[in-house]
Amino acid sequence: MKIVVDRDLCESNGLCVDACSDVFRLDDEDRLVVVIERPGDALRAQVEHAVRICPRQALSIEEHDS
């Protein structure tokens, strides 16, 4: 899976950071940073939750076959 952020929609609310701080963080300017763009299956549930709770629906997951 690959995480995609629509920068036009993202308001850096930080709910994704709360849901999965291993993958998402806010930088010093409160801009969303995806720390692990292609997280493994161990983080899938947390990433999917972060995508679902994004108030602006700025996050999505692209599935890629290996």
C-alpha atoms as a PDB file:
ATOM      1  CA  MET A   1       0.000   0.000   0.000  1.00  0.00           C
ATOM      2  CA  LYS A   2       1.046   3.568  -0.641  1.00  0.00           C
ATOM      3  CA  ILE A   3      -0.314   6.598   1.209  1.00  0.00           C
ATOM      4  CA  VAL A   4      -1.401   9.536  -0.936  1.00  0.00           C
ATOM      5  CA  VAL A   5      -2.070  13.018   0.455  1.00  0.00           C
ATOM      6  CA  ASP A   6      -4.136  15.522  -1.488  1.00  0.00           C
ATOM      7  CA  ARG A   7      -2.298  18.703  -0.489  1.00  0.00           C
ATOM      8  CA  ASP A   8      -5.135  20.866  -1.809  1.00  0.00           C
ATOM      9  CA  LEU A   9      -7.494  19.304   0.759  1.00  0.00           C
ATOM     10  CA  CYS A  10      -5.170  18.662   3.703  1.00  0.00           C
ATOM     11  CA  GLU A  11      -5.537  21.155   6.545  1.00  0.00           C
ATOM     12  CA  SER A  12      -3.007  19.381   8.802  1.00  0.00           C
ATOM     13  CA  ASN A  13      -5.628  18.789  11.477  1.00  0.00           C
ATOM     14  CA  GLY A  14      -3.419  16.073  12.953  1.00  0.00           C
ATOM     15  CA  LEU A  15      -6.096  13.450  13.455  1.00  0.00           C
ATOM     16  CA  CYS A  16      -4.043  11.069  11.318  1.00  0.00           C
ATOM     17  CA  VAL A  17      -1.056  11.704  13.584  1.00  0.00           C
ATOM     18  CA  ASP A  18      -3.169  10.740  16.592  1.00  0.00           C
ATOM     19  CA  ALA A  19      -4.345   7.608  14.771  1.00  0.00           C
ATOM     20  CA  CYS A  20      -0.935   6.471  13.512  1.00  0.00           C
ATOM     21  CA  SER A  21       2.069   8.445  14.725  1.00  0.00           C
ATOM     22  CA  ASP A  22       4.442   5.848  13.257  1.00  0.00           C
ATOM     23  CA  VAL A  23       3.410   6.973   9.778  1.00  0.00           C
ATOM     24  CA  PHE A  24       2.218  10.582  10.104  1.00  0.00           C
ATOM     25  CA  ARG A  25       3.603  13.648  11.858  1.00  0.00           C
ATOM     26  CA  LEU A  26       3.336  17.415  11.708  1.00  0.00           C
ATOM     27  CA  ASP A  27       6.513  19.377  10.988  1.00  0.00           C
ATOM     28  CA  ASP A  28       7.585  22.601  12.703  1.00  0.00           C
ATOM     29  CA  GLU A  29       5.225  24.568  10.457  1.00  0.00           C
ATOM     30  CA  ASP A  30       2.278  22.257  11.252  1.00  0.00           C
ATOM     31  CA  ARG A  31       2.387  20.730   7.777  1.00  0.00           C
ATOM     32  CA  LEU A  32       1.588  17.037   7.428  1.00  0.00           C
ATOM     33  CA  VAL A  33       4.548  14.769   6.756  1.00  0.00           C
ATOM     34  CA  VAL A  34       4.176  11.120   5.758  1.00  0.00           C
ATOM     35  CA  VAL A  35       7.123   9.472   7.488  1.00  0.00           C
ATOM     36  CA  ILE A  36       6.558   6.039   5.918  1.00  0.00           C
ATOM     37  CA  GLU A  37       5.005   6.397   2.475  1.00  0.00           C
ATOM     38  CA  ARG A  38       4.674   2.629   2.010  1.00  0.00           C
ATOM     39  CA  PRO A  39       3.963   1.157   5.444  1.00  0.00           C
ATOM     40  CA  GLY A  40       3.847  -2.587   5.904  1.00  0.00           C
ATOM     41  CA  ASP A  41       0.849  -4.723   6.724  1.00  0.00           C
ATOM     42  CA  ALA A  42       1.538  -4.412  10.456  1.00  0.00           C
ATOM     43  CA  LEU A  43       0.384  -0.775  10.257  1.00  0.00           C
ATOM     44  CA  ARG A  44      -2.481  -1.327   7.817  1.00  0.00           C
ATOM     45  CA  ALA A  45      -5.321  -1.109  10.354  1.00  0.00           C
ATOM     46  CA  GLN A  46      -3.955   2.117  11.853  1.00  0.00           C
ATOM     47  CA  VAL A  47      -3.390   3.700   8.427  1.00  0.00           C
ATOM     48  CA  GLU A  48      -6.876   2.719   7.241  1.00  0.00           C
ATOM     49  CA  HIS A  49      -8.330   4.258  10.410  1.00  0.00           C
ATOM     50  CA  ALA A  50      -6.358   7.475   9.806  1.00  0.00           C
ATOM     51  CA  VAL A  51      -7.688   7.650   6.241  1.00  0.00           C
ATOM     52  CA  ARG A  52     -11.274   7.148   7.443  1.00  0.00           C
ATOM     53  CA  ILE A  53     -11.148   9.851  10.136  1.00  0.00           C
ATOM     54  CA  CYS A  54      -9.532  12.571   8.019  1.00  0.00           C
ATOM     55  CA  PRO A  55     -12.101  15.389   8.186  1.00  0.00           C
ATOM     56  CA  ARG A  56     -11.184  16.673   4.721  1.00  0.00           C
ATOM     57  CA  GLN A  57     -10.790  13.224   3.110  1.00  0.00           C
ATOM     58  CA  ALA A  58      -7.318  14.286   2.043  1.00  0.00           C
ATOM     59  CA  LEU A  59      -5.772  10.845   2.600  1.00  0.00           C
ATOM     60  CA  SER A  60      -6.091   7.767   0.446  1.00  0.00           C
ATOM     61  CA  ILE A  61      -4.401   4.431  -0.030  1.00  0.00           C
ATOM     62  CA  GLU A  62      -3.195   3.097  -3.358  1.00  0.00           C
ATOM     63  CA  GLU A  63      -2.778  -0.640  -3.560  1.00  0.00           C
ATOM     64  CA  HIS A  64       0.135  -1.990  -5.568  1.00  0.00           C
ATOM     65  CA  ASP A  65       0.996  -5.577  -6.339  1.00  0.00           C
ATOM     66  CA  SER A  66       4.555  -6.456  -5.438  1.00  0.00           C
END
